[in-house]
Amino acid sequence: IAALRPHLRAGTVVLDVGSVKIEPARLLLEGLPDDVEII
């Protein structure tokens, strides 16, 4: 997430494919810009 953040554009949809979802959701919300979608 830290590596991607400076390069993401507004409206990009970011998805993770992890076997757990609570912790990844927290990391994605905290680490990605507000104008990026998260699933």
Full PDB file with SEQRES, HELIX, SHEET, SSBOND, CRYST1, ORIGX, SCALE, CONECT and MASTER records, all heavy atoms in Angstrom:
SEQRES   1 A   39  ILE ALA ALA LEU ARG PRO HIS LEU ARG ALA GLY THR VAL          
SEQRES   2 A   39  VAL LEU ASP VAL GLY SER VAL LYS ILE GLU PRO ALA ARG          
SEQRES   3 A   39  LEU LEU LEU GLU GLY LEU PRO ASP ASP VAL GLU ILE ILE          
HELIX    1 AA1 ARG A    5  HIS A    7  5                                   3    
HELIX    2 AA2 ILE A   22  GLY A   31  1                                  10    
SHEET    1 AA1 2 VAL A  13  VAL A  14  0                                        
SHEET    2 AA1 2 GLU A  37  ILE A  38  1                                        
CRYST1    1.000    1.000    1.000  90.00  90.00  90.00 P 1           1          
ORIGX1      1.000000  0.000000  0.000000        0.00000                         
ORIGX2      0.000000  1.000000  0.000000        0.00000                         
ORIGX3      0.000000  0.000000  1.000000        0.00000                         
SCALE1      1.000000  0.000000  0.000000        0.00000                         
SCALE2      0.000000  1.000000  0.000000        0.00000                         
SCALE3      0.000000  0.000000  1.000000        0.00000                         
ATOM      1  N   ILE A   1       0.836  -1.203   0.000  1.00  0.00           N  
ATOM      2  CA  ILE A   1       0.000   0.000   0.000  1.00  0.00           C  
ATOM      3  C   ILE A   1       0.871   1.254   0.000  1.00  0.00           C  
ATOM      4  O   ILE A   1       0.613   2.204  -0.749  1.00  0.00           O  
ATOM      5  CB  ILE A   1      -0.945  -0.017   1.221  1.00  0.00           C  
ATOM      6  CG1 ILE A   1      -1.979  -1.141   1.070  1.00  0.00           C  
ATOM      7  CG2 ILE A   1      -1.642   1.331   1.394  1.00  0.00           C  
ATOM      8  CD1 ILE A   1      -2.804  -1.384   2.327  1.00  0.00           C  
ATOM      9  N   ALA A   2       1.902   1.253   0.826  1.00  0.00           N  
ATOM     10  CA  ALA A   2       2.793   2.416   0.903  1.00  0.00           C  
ATOM     11  C   ALA A   2       3.495   2.666  -0.425  1.00  0.00           C  
ATOM     12  O   ALA A   2       3.692   3.818  -0.833  1.00  0.00           O  
ATOM     13  CB  ALA A   2       3.817   2.208   2.011  1.00  0.00           C  
ATOM     14  N   ALA A   3       3.871   1.589  -1.129  1.00  0.00           N  
ATOM     15  CA  ALA A   3       4.547   1.742  -2.415  1.00  0.00           C  
ATOM     16  C   ALA A   3       3.597   2.268  -3.498  1.00  0.00           C  
ATOM     17  O   ALA A   3       3.992   3.067  -4.354  1.00  0.00           O  
ATOM     18  CB  ALA A   3       5.141   0.399  -2.842  1.00  0.00           C  
ATOM     19  N   LEU A   4       2.352   1.850  -3.454  1.00  0.00           N  
ATOM     20  CA  LEU A   4       1.378   2.256  -4.474  1.00  0.00           C  
ATOM     21  C   LEU A   4       0.851   3.668  -4.268  1.00  0.00           C  
ATOM     22  O   LEU A   4       0.570   4.385  -5.236  1.00  0.00           O  
ATOM     23  CB  LEU A   4       0.190   1.286  -4.469  1.00  0.00           C  
ATOM     24  CG  LEU A   4       0.372  -0.063  -5.149  1.00  0.00           C  
ATOM     25  CD1 LEU A   4      -0.819  -0.954  -4.824  1.00  0.00           C  
ATOM     26  CD2 LEU A   4       0.516   0.099  -6.658  1.00  0.00           C  
ATOM     27  N   ARG A   5       0.692   4.061  -3.027  1.00  0.00           N  
ATOM     28  CA  ARG A   5      -0.029   5.295  -2.701  1.00  0.00           C  
ATOM     29  C   ARG A   5       0.397   6.519  -3.516  1.00  0.00           C  
ATOM     30  O   ARG A   5      -0.476   7.225  -4.056  1.00  0.00           O  
ATOM     31  CB  ARG A   5       0.114   5.585  -1.204  1.00  0.00           C  
ATOM     32  CG  ARG A   5      -0.645   6.835  -0.767  1.00  0.00           C  
ATOM     33  CD  ARG A   5      -0.399   7.201   0.691  1.00  0.00           C  
ATOM     34  NE  ARG A   5      -1.042   8.466   0.993  1.00  0.00           N  
ATOM     35  CZ  ARG A   5      -2.241   8.587   1.533  1.00  0.00           C  
ATOM     36  NH1 ARG A   5      -2.934   7.506   1.849  1.00  0.00           N  
ATOM     37  NH2 ARG A   5      -2.754   9.783   1.767  1.00  0.00           N  
ATOM     38  N   PRO A   6       1.685   6.816  -3.678  1.00  0.00           N  
ATOM     39  CA  PRO A   6       2.047   8.049  -4.390  1.00  0.00           C  
ATOM     40  C   PRO A   6       1.661   8.047  -5.872  1.00  0.00           C  
ATOM     41  O   PRO A   6       1.602   9.109  -6.495  1.00  0.00           O  
ATOM     42  CB  PRO A   6       3.577   8.107  -4.234  1.00  0.00           C  
ATOM     43  CG  PRO A   6       3.909   7.161  -3.145  1.00  0.00           C  
ATOM     44  CD  PRO A   6       2.864   6.104  -3.184  1.00  0.00           C  
ATOM     45  N   HIS A   7       1.371   6.862  -6.428  1.00  0.00           N  
ATOM     46  CA  HIS A   7       1.158   6.751  -7.877  1.00  0.00           C  
ATOM     47  C   HIS A   7      -0.301   6.562  -8.271  1.00  0.00           C  
ATOM     48  O   HIS A   7      -0.628   6.598  -9.467  1.00  0.00           O  
ATOM     49  CB  HIS A   7       1.973   5.576  -8.424  1.00  0.00           C  
ATOM     50  CG  HIS A   7       3.418   5.606  -8.037  1.00  0.00           C  
ATOM     51  ND1 HIS A   7       4.316   6.507  -8.570  1.00  0.00           N  
ATOM     52  CD2 HIS A   7       4.122   4.848  -7.146  1.00  0.00           C  
ATOM     53  CE1 HIS A   7       5.517   6.303  -8.044  1.00  0.00           C  
ATOM     54  NE2 HIS A   7       5.428   5.302  -7.173  1.00  0.00           N  
ATOM     55  N   LEU A   8      -1.184   6.341  -7.306  1.00  0.00           N  
ATOM     56  CA  LEU A   8      -2.581   6.046  -7.621  1.00  0.00           C  
ATOM     57  C   LEU A   8      -3.322   7.285  -8.093  1.00  0.00           C  
ATOM     58  O   LEU A   8      -3.097   8.393  -7.595  1.00  0.00           O  
ATOM     59  CB  LEU A   8      -3.282   5.457  -6.389  1.00  0.00           C  
ATOM     60  CG  LEU A   8      -2.833   4.062  -5.974  1.00  0.00           C  
ATOM     61  CD1 LEU A   8      -3.378   3.716  -4.595  1.00  0.00           C  
ATOM     62  CD2 LEU A   8      -3.272   3.019  -7.003  1.00  0.00           C  
ATOM     63  N   ARG A   9      -4.242   7.068  -9.033  1.00  0.00           N  
ATOM     64  CA  ARG A   9      -5.050   8.165  -9.556  1.00  0.00           C  
ATOM     65  C   ARG A   9      -6.438   8.133  -8.924  1.00  0.00           C  
ATOM     66  O   ARG A   9      -6.903   7.085  -8.459  1.00  0.00           O  
ATOM     67  CB  ARG A   9      -5.182   8.034 -11.076  1.00  0.00           C  
ATOM     68  CG  ARG A   9      -3.851   8.093 -11.820  1.00  0.00           C  
ATOM     69  CD  ARG A   9      -4.069   7.940 -13.311  1.00  0.00           C  
ATOM     70  NE  ARG A   9      -4.594   6.612 -13.638  1.00  0.00           N  
ATOM     71  CZ  ARG A   9      -5.067   6.285 -14.847  1.00  0.00           C  
ATOM     72  NH1 ARG A   9      -5.108   7.191 -15.810  1.00  0.00           N  
ATOM     73  NH2 ARG A   9      -5.502   5.066 -15.078  1.00  0.00           N  
ATOM     74  N   ALA A  10      -7.103   9.269  -8.932  1.00  0.00           N  
ATOM     75  CA  ALA A  10      -8.469   9.339  -8.408  1.00  0.00           C  
ATOM     76  C   ALA A  10      -9.368   8.394  -9.197  1.00  0.00           C  
ATOM     77  O   ALA A  10      -9.304   8.327 -10.422  1.00  0.00           O  
ATOM     78  CB  ALA A  10      -8.999  10.770  -8.504  1.00  0.00           C  
ATOM     79  N   GLY A  11     -10.201   7.657  -8.475  1.00  0.00           N  
ATOM     80  CA  GLY A  11     -11.137   6.751  -9.126  1.00  0.00           C  
ATOM     81  C   GLY A  11     -10.624   5.351  -9.343  1.00  0.00           C  
ATOM     82  O   GLY A  11     -11.383   4.469  -9.761  1.00  0.00           O  
ATOM     83  N   THR A  12      -9.346   5.120  -9.078  1.00  0.00           N  
ATOM     84  CA  THR A  12      -8.803   3.765  -9.202  1.00  0.00           C  
ATOM     85  C   THR A  12      -9.491   2.846  -8.193  1.00  0.00           C  
ATOM     86  O   THR A  12      -9.788   3.244  -7.073  1.00  0.00           O  
ATOM     87  CB  THR A  12      -7.285   3.762  -8.943  1.00  0.00           C  
ATOM     88  OG1 THR A  12      -6.649   4.597  -9.903  1.00  0.00           O  
ATOM     89  CG2 THR A  12      -6.711   2.359  -9.039  1.00  0.00           C  
ATOM     90  N   VAL A  13      -9.753   1.607  -8.605  1.00  0.00           N  
ATOM     91  CA  VAL A  13     -10.350   0.612  -7.721  1.00  0.00           C  
ATOM     92  C   VAL A  13      -9.246  -0.335  -7.267  1.00  0.00           C  
ATOM     93  O   VAL A  13      -8.595  -0.985  -8.086  1.00  0.00           O  
ATOM     94  CB  VAL A  13     -11.465  -0.180  -8.428  1.00  0.00           C  
ATOM     95  CG1 VAL A  13     -12.076  -1.206  -7.471  1.00  0.00           C  
ATOM     96  CG2 VAL A  13     -12.537   0.755  -8.955  1.00  0.00           C  
ATOM     97  N   VAL A  14      -9.020  -0.390  -5.966  1.00  0.00           N  
ATOM     98  CA  VAL A  14      -7.979  -1.250  -5.402  1.00  0.00           C  
ATOM     99  C   VAL A  14      -8.640  -2.425  -4.688  1.00  0.00           C  
ATOM    100  O   VAL A  14      -9.551  -2.235  -3.871  1.00  0.00           O  
ATOM    101  CB  VAL A  14      -7.077  -0.468  -4.425  1.00  0.00           C  
ATOM    102  CG1 VAL A  14      -6.036  -1.399  -3.798  1.00  0.00           C  
ATOM    103  CG2 VAL A  14      -6.390   0.688  -5.147  1.00  0.00           C  
ATOM    104  N   LEU A  15      -8.177  -3.644  -5.005  1.00  0.00           N  
ATOM    105  CA  LEU A  15      -8.703  -4.859  -4.389  1.00  0.00           C  
ATOM    106  C   LEU A  15      -7.560  -5.647  -3.763  1.00  0.00           C  
ATOM    107  O   LEU A  15      -6.451  -5.689  -4.319  1.00  0.00           O  
ATOM    108  CB  LEU A  15      -9.390  -5.757  -5.418  1.00  0.00           C  
ATOM    109  CG  LEU A  15     -10.530  -5.213  -6.270  1.00  0.00           C  
ATOM    110  CD1 LEU A  15     -10.025  -4.535  -7.523  1.00  0.00           C  
ATOM    111  CD2 LEU A  15     -11.473  -6.345  -6.659  1.00  0.00           C  
ATOM    112  N   ASP A  16      -7.825  -6.283  -2.636  1.00  0.00           N  
ATOM    113  CA  ASP A  16      -6.885  -7.253  -2.106  1.00  0.00           C  
ATOM    114  C   ASP A  16      -7.534  -8.622  -2.213  1.00  0.00           C  
ATOM    115  O   ASP A  16      -8.745  -8.728  -2.430  1.00  0.00           O  
ATOM    116  CB  ASP A  16      -6.517  -6.946  -0.653  1.00  0.00           C  
ATOM    117  CG  ASP A  16      -7.549  -7.484   0.318  1.00  0.00           C  
ATOM    118  OD1 ASP A  16      -8.695  -6.989   0.270  1.00  0.00           O  
ATOM    119  OD2 ASP A  16      -7.228  -8.387   1.109  1.00  0.00           O  
ATOM    120  N   VAL A  17      -6.741  -9.676  -2.098  1.00  0.00           N  
ATOM    121  CA  VAL A  17      -7.276 -11.031  -2.248  1.00  0.00           C  
ATOM    122  C   VAL A  17      -6.912 -11.906  -1.052  1.00  0.00           C  
ATOM    123  O   VAL A  17      -6.820 -13.124  -1.161  1.00  0.00           O  
ATOM    124  CB  VAL A  17      -6.767 -11.691  -3.560  1.00  0.00           C  
ATOM    125  CG1 VAL A  17      -7.283 -10.946  -4.772  1.00  0.00           C  
ATOM    126  CG2 VAL A  17      -5.243 -11.755  -3.593  1.00  0.00           C  
ATOM    127  N   GLY A  18      -6.706 -11.285   0.113  1.00  0.00           N  
ATOM    128  CA  GLY A  18      -6.254 -12.018   1.282  1.00  0.00           C  
ATOM    129  C   GLY A  18      -7.287 -12.967   1.856  1.00  0.00           C  
ATOM    130  O   GLY A  18      -8.500 -12.821   1.651  1.00  0.00           O  
ATOM    131  N   SER A  19      -6.799 -13.942   2.620  1.00  0.00           N  
ATOM    132  CA  SER A  19      -7.670 -14.939   3.245  1.00  0.00           C  
ATOM    133  C   SER A  19      -8.411 -14.403   4.454  1.00  0.00           C  
ATOM    134  O   SER A  19      -9.317 -15.057   4.972  1.00  0.00           O  
ATOM    135  CB  SER A  19      -6.843 -16.164   3.669  1.00  0.00           C  
ATOM    136  OG  SER A  19      -6.255 -16.774   2.553  1.00  0.00           O  
ATOM    137  N   VAL A  20      -8.006 -13.240   4.960  1.00  0.00           N  
ATOM    138  CA  VAL A  20      -8.722 -12.553   6.027  1.00  0.00           C  
ATOM    139  C   VAL A  20      -9.088 -11.166   5.524  1.00  0.00           C  
ATOM    140  O   VAL A  20      -8.492 -10.662   4.576  1.00  0.00           O  
ATOM    141  CB  VAL A  20      -7.879 -12.453   7.316  1.00  0.00           C  
ATOM    142  CG1 VAL A  20      -7.646 -13.830   7.903  1.00  0.00           C  
ATOM    143  CG2 VAL A  20      -6.551 -11.765   7.044  1.00  0.00           C  
ATOM    144  N   LYS A  21     -10.078 -10.540   6.165  1.00  0.00           N  
ATOM    145  CA  LYS A  21     -10.570  -9.293   5.617  1.00  0.00           C  
ATOM    146  C   LYS A  21     -10.588  -8.124   6.610  1.00  0.00           C  
ATOM    147  O   LYS A  21     -10.518  -6.980   6.178  1.00  0.00           O  
ATOM    148  CB  LYS A  21     -12.003  -9.495   5.059  1.00  0.00           C  
ATOM    149  CG  LYS A  21     -12.050 -10.402   3.848  1.00  0.00           C  
ATOM    150  CD  LYS A  21     -11.822  -9.670   2.529  1.00  0.00           C  
ATOM    151  CE  LYS A  21     -10.466  -9.155   2.252  1.00  0.00           C  
ATOM    152  NZ  LYS A  21      -9.494 -10.180   1.825  1.00  0.00           N  
ATOM    153  N   ILE A  22     -10.675  -8.349   7.895  1.00  0.00           N  
ATOM    154  CA  ILE A  22     -10.750  -7.232   8.844  1.00  0.00           C  
ATOM    155  C   ILE A  22      -9.471  -6.405   8.810  1.00  0.00           C  
ATOM    156  O   ILE A  22      -9.499  -5.180   8.635  1.00  0.00           O  
ATOM    157  CB  ILE A  22     -11.038  -7.739  10.262  1.00  0.00           C  
ATOM    158  CG1 ILE A  22     -12.456  -8.317  10.352  1.00  0.00           C  
ATOM    159  CG2 ILE A  22     -10.884  -6.604  11.275  1.00  0.00           C  
ATOM    160  CD1 ILE A  22     -12.795  -8.921  11.707  1.00  0.00           C  
ATOM    161  N   GLU A  23      -8.326  -7.043   8.990  1.00  0.00           N  
ATOM    162  CA  GLU A  23      -7.063  -6.312   9.028  1.00  0.00           C  
ATOM    163  C   GLU A  23      -6.725  -5.682   7.667  1.00  0.00           C  
ATOM    164  O   GLU A  23      -6.328  -4.508   7.625  1.00  0.00           O  
ATOM    165  CB  GLU A  23      -5.933  -7.238   9.500  1.00  0.00           C  
ATOM    166  CG  GLU A  23      -4.565  -6.593   9.562  1.00  0.00           C  
ATOM    167  CD  GLU A  23      -4.467  -5.430  10.550  1.00  0.00           C  
ATOM    168  OE1 GLU A  23      -5.421  -5.213  11.322  1.00  0.00           O  
ATOM    169  OE2 GLU A  23      -3.428  -4.742  10.541  1.00  0.00           O  
ATOM    170  N   PRO A  24      -6.859  -6.399   6.544  1.00  0.00           N  
ATOM    171  CA  PRO A  24      -6.622  -5.747   5.252  1.00  0.00           C  
ATOM    172  C   PRO A  24      -7.529  -4.543   5.013  1.00  0.00           C  
ATOM    173  O   PRO A  24      -7.083  -3.522   4.478  1.00  0.00           O  
ATOM    174  CB  PRO A  24      -6.894  -6.858   4.234  1.00  0.00           C  
ATOM    175  CG  PRO A  24      -6.534  -8.104   4.960  1.00  0.00           C  
ATOM    176  CD  PRO A  24      -7.004  -7.863   6.376  1.00  0.00           C  
ATOM    177  N   ALA A  25      -8.797  -4.628   5.417  1.00  0.00           N  
ATOM    178  CA  ALA A  25      -9.710  -3.490   5.239  1.00  0.00           C  
ATOM    179  C   ALA A  25      -9.217  -2.277   6.020  1.00  0.00           C  
ATOM    180  O   ALA A  25      -9.252  -1.144   5.528  1.00  0.00           O  
ATOM    181  CB  ALA A  25     -11.117  -3.876   5.686  1.00  0.00           C  
ATOM    182  N   ARG A  26      -8.739  -2.515   7.235  1.00  0.00           N  
ATOM    183  CA  ARG A  26      -8.217  -1.413   8.045  1.00  0.00           C  
ATOM    184  C   ARG A  26      -6.987  -0.786   7.388  1.00  0.00           C  
ATOM    185  O   ARG A  26      -6.867   0.447   7.295  1.00  0.00           O  
ATOM    186  CB  ARG A  26      -7.863  -1.919   9.446  1.00  0.00           C  
ATOM    187  CG  ARG A  26      -7.384  -0.836  10.388  1.00  0.00           C  
ATOM    188  CD  ARG A  26      -6.854  -1.420  11.691  1.00  0.00           C  
ATOM    189  NE  ARG A  26      -5.624  -2.172  11.502  1.00  0.00           N  
ATOM    190  CZ  ARG A  26      -4.428  -1.598  11.376  1.00  0.00           C  
ATOM    191  NH1 ARG A  26      -4.312  -0.275  11.418  1.00  0.00           N  
ATOM    192  NH2 ARG A  26      -3.352  -2.340  11.213  1.00  0.00           N  
ATOM    193  N   LEU A  27      -6.085  -1.628   6.915  1.00  0.00           N  
ATOM    194  CA  LEU A  27      -4.864  -1.127   6.281  1.00  0.00           C  
ATOM    195  C   LEU A  27      -5.177  -0.343   5.010  1.00  0.00           C  
ATOM    196  O   LEU A  27      -4.574   0.711   4.751  1.00  0.00           O  
ATOM    197  CB  LEU A  27      -3.929  -2.294   5.956  1.00  0.00           C  
ATOM    198  CG  LEU A  27      -3.299  -3.018   7.148  1.00  0.00           C  
ATOM    199  CD1 LEU A  27      -2.557  -4.262   6.688  1.00  0.00           C  
ATOM    200  CD2 LEU A  27      -2.352  -2.091   7.914  1.00  0.00           C  
ATOM    201  N   LEU A  28      -6.101  -0.842   4.221  1.00  0.00           N  
ATOM    202  CA  LEU A  28      -6.460  -0.167   2.976  1.00  0.00           C  
ATOM    203  C   LEU A  28      -7.114   1.189   3.244  1.00  0.00           C  
ATOM    204  O   LEU A  28      -6.815   2.182   2.575  1.00  0.00           O  
ATOM    205  CB  LEU A  28      -7.384  -1.059   2.146  1.00  0.00           C  
ATOM    206  CG  LEU A  28      -6.719  -2.310   1.549  1.00  0.00           C  
ATOM    207  CD1 LEU A  28      -7.782  -3.310   1.096  1.00  0.00           C  
ATOM    208  CD2 LEU A  28      -5.815  -1.947   0.380  1.00  0.00           C  
ATOM    209  N   LEU A  29      -8.009   1.242   4.217  1.00  0.00           N  
ATOM    210  CA  LEU A  29      -8.676   2.506   4.538  1.00  0.00           C  
ATOM    211  C   LEU A  29      -7.687   3.531   5.081  1.00  0.00           C  
ATOM    212  O   LEU A  29      -7.762   4.718   4.751  1.00  0.00           O  
ATOM    213  CB  LEU A  29      -9.789   2.265   5.558  1.00  0.00           C  
ATOM    214  CG  LEU A  29     -11.104   1.720   5.015  1.00  0.00           C  
ATOM    215  CD1 LEU A  29     -12.029   1.317   6.158  1.00  0.00           C  
ATOM    216  CD2 LEU A  29     -11.792   2.748   4.121  1.00  0.00           C  
ATOM    217  N   GLU A  30      -6.772   3.085   5.903  1.00  0.00           N  
ATOM    218  CA  GLU A  30      -5.805   4.011   6.505  1.00  0.00           C  
ATOM    219  C   GLU A  30      -4.712   4.432   5.521  1.00  0.00           C  
ATOM    220  O   GLU A  30      -4.216   5.561   5.587  1.00  0.00           O  
ATOM    221  CB  GLU A  30      -5.160   3.369   7.733  1.00  0.00           C  
ATOM    222  CG  GLU A  30      -6.111   3.212   8.915  1.00  0.00           C  
ATOM    223  CD  GLU A  30      -5.410   2.621  10.129  1.00  0.00           C  
ATOM    224  OE1 GLU A  30      -4.202   2.282  10.011  1.00  0.00           O  
ATOM    225  OE2 GLU A  30      -6.062   2.487  11.179  1.00  0.00           O  
ATOM    226  N   GLY A  31      -4.352   3.535   4.600  1.00  0.00           N  
ATOM    227  CA  GLY A  31      -3.187   3.793   3.772  1.00  0.00           C  
ATOM    228  C   GLY A  31      -3.437   4.359   2.393  1.00  0.00           C  
ATOM    229  O   GLY A  31      -2.517   4.903   1.778  1.00  0.00           O  
ATOM    230  N   LEU A  32      -4.679   4.263   1.893  1.00  0.00           N  
ATOM    231  CA  LEU A  32      -4.953   4.719   0.534  1.00  0.00           C  
ATOM    232  C   LEU A  32      -5.630   6.094   0.535  1.00  0.00           C  
ATOM    233  O   LEU A  32      -6.362   6.432   1.473  1.00  0.00           O  
ATOM    234  CB  LEU A  32      -5.844   3.701  -0.194  1.00  0.00           C  
ATOM    235  CG  LEU A  32      -5.208   2.345  -0.482  1.00  0.00           C  
ATOM    236  CD1 LEU A  32      -6.198   1.430  -1.189  1.00  0.00           C  
ATOM    237  CD2 LEU A  32      -3.924   2.473  -1.300  1.00  0.00           C  
ATOM    238  N   PRO A  33      -5.423   6.876  -0.516  1.00  0.00           N  
ATOM    239  CA  PRO A  33      -6.070   8.194  -0.614  1.00  0.00           C  
ATOM    240  C   PRO A  33      -7.592   8.079  -0.599  1.00  0.00           C  
ATOM    241  O   PRO A  33      -8.150   7.047  -1.004  1.00  0.00           O  
ATOM    242  CB  PRO A  33      -5.568   8.728  -1.964  1.00  0.00           C  
ATOM    243  CG  PRO A  33      -4.329   7.952  -2.256  1.00  0.00           C  
ATOM    244  CD  PRO A  33      -4.530   6.600  -1.656  1.00  0.00           C  
ATOM    245  N   ASP A  34      -8.263   9.124  -0.143  1.00  0.00           N  
ATOM    246  CA  ASP A  34      -9.727   9.110  -0.040  1.00  0.00           C  
ATOM    247  C   ASP A  34     -10.422   9.019  -1.385  1.00  0.00           C  
ATOM    248  O   ASP A  34     -11.594   8.614  -1.446  1.00  0.00           O  
ATOM    249  CB  ASP A  34     -10.205  10.372   0.692  1.00  0.00           C  
ATOM    250  CG  ASP A  34      -9.790  10.381   2.153  1.00  0.00           C  
ATOM    251  OD1 ASP A  34      -9.480   9.294   2.677  1.00  0.00           O  
ATOM    252  OD2 ASP A  34      -9.776  11.470   2.753  1.00  0.00           O  
ATOM    253  N   ASP A  35      -9.745   9.395  -2.475  1.00  0.00           N  
ATOM    254  CA  ASP A  35     -10.386   9.358  -3.794  1.00  0.00           C  
ATOM    255  C   ASP A  35     -10.160   8.044  -4.521  1.00  0.00           C  
ATOM    256  O   ASP A  35     -10.412   7.920  -5.720  1.00  0.00           O  
ATOM    257  CB  ASP A  35      -9.914  10.531  -4.662  1.00  0.00           C  
ATOM    258  CG  ASP A  35      -8.401  10.579  -4.827  1.00  0.00           C  
ATOM    259  OD1 ASP A  35      -7.718   9.627  -4.362  1.00  0.00           O  
ATOM    260  OD2 ASP A  35      -7.894  11.554  -5.406  1.00  0.00           O  
ATOM    261  N   VAL A  36      -9.684   7.020  -3.802  1.00  0.00           N  
ATOM    262  CA  VAL A  36      -9.488   5.687  -4.365  1.00  0.00           C  
ATOM    263  C   VAL A  36     -10.548   4.754  -3.803  1.00  0.00           C  
ATOM    264  O   VAL A  36     -10.839   4.772  -2.608  1.00  0.00           O  
ATOM    265  CB  VAL A  36      -8.072   5.156  -4.019  1.00  0.00           C  
ATOM    266  CG1 VAL A  36      -7.956   3.672  -4.333  1.00  0.00           C  
ATOM    267  CG2 VAL A  36      -7.014   5.948  -4.768  1.00  0.00           C  
ATOM    268  N   GLU A  37     -11.161   3.945  -4.671  1.00  0.00           N  
ATOM    269  CA  GLU A  37     -12.172   2.976  -4.223  1.00  0.00           C  
ATOM    270  C   GLU A  37     -11.489   1.722  -3.685  1.00  0.00           C  
ATOM    271  O   GLU A  37     -10.389   1.359  -4.128  1.00  0.00           O  
ATOM    272  CB  GLU A  37     -13.108   2.613  -5.373  1.00  0.00           C  
ATOM    273  CG  GLU A  37     -13.918   3.802  -5.896  1.00  0.00           C  
ATOM    274  CD  GLU A  37     -15.106   3.360  -6.737  1.00  0.00           C  
ATOM    275  OE1 GLU A  37     -15.654   2.282  -6.459  1.00  0.00           O  
ATOM    276  OE2 GLU A  37     -15.481   4.117  -7.658  1.00  0.00           O  
ATOM    277  N   ILE A  38     -12.160   1.057  -2.745  1.00  0.00           N  
ATOM    278  CA  ILE A  38     -11.572  -0.128  -2.109  1.00  0.00           C  
ATOM    279  C   ILE A  38     -12.610  -1.247  -2.048  1.00  0.00           C  
ATOM    280  O   ILE A  38     -13.745  -1.032  -1.603  1.00  0.00           O  
ATOM    281  CB  ILE A  38     -11.097   0.184  -0.676  1.00  0.00           C  
ATOM    282  CG1 ILE A  38     -10.075   1.331  -0.676  1.00  0.00           C  
ATOM    283  CG2 ILE A  38     -10.489  -1.064  -0.035  1.00  0.00           C  
ATOM    284  CD1 ILE A  38      -9.742   1.829   0.718  1.00  0.00           C  
ATOM    285  N   ILE A  39     -12.203  -2.424  -2.483  1.00  0.00           N  
ATOM    286  CA  ILE A  39     -13.043  -3.625  -2.365  1.00  0.00           C  
ATOM    287  C   ILE A  39     -12.175  -4.741  -1.799  1.00  0.00           C  
ATOM    288  O   ILE A  39     -11.114  -5.054  -2.343  1.00  0.00           O  
ATOM    289  CB  ILE A  39     -13.621  -4.064  -3.727  1.00  0.00           C  
ATOM    290  CG1 ILE A  39     -14.469  -2.952  -4.336  1.00  0.00           C  
ATOM    291  CG2 ILE A  39     -14.456  -5.343  -3.558  1.00  0.00           C  
ATOM    292  CD1 ILE A  39     -14.955  -3.263  -5.753  1.00  0.00           C  
TER     293      ILE A  39                                                      
MASTER        0    0    0    2    2    0    0    6  292    1    0    3          
END                                                                             
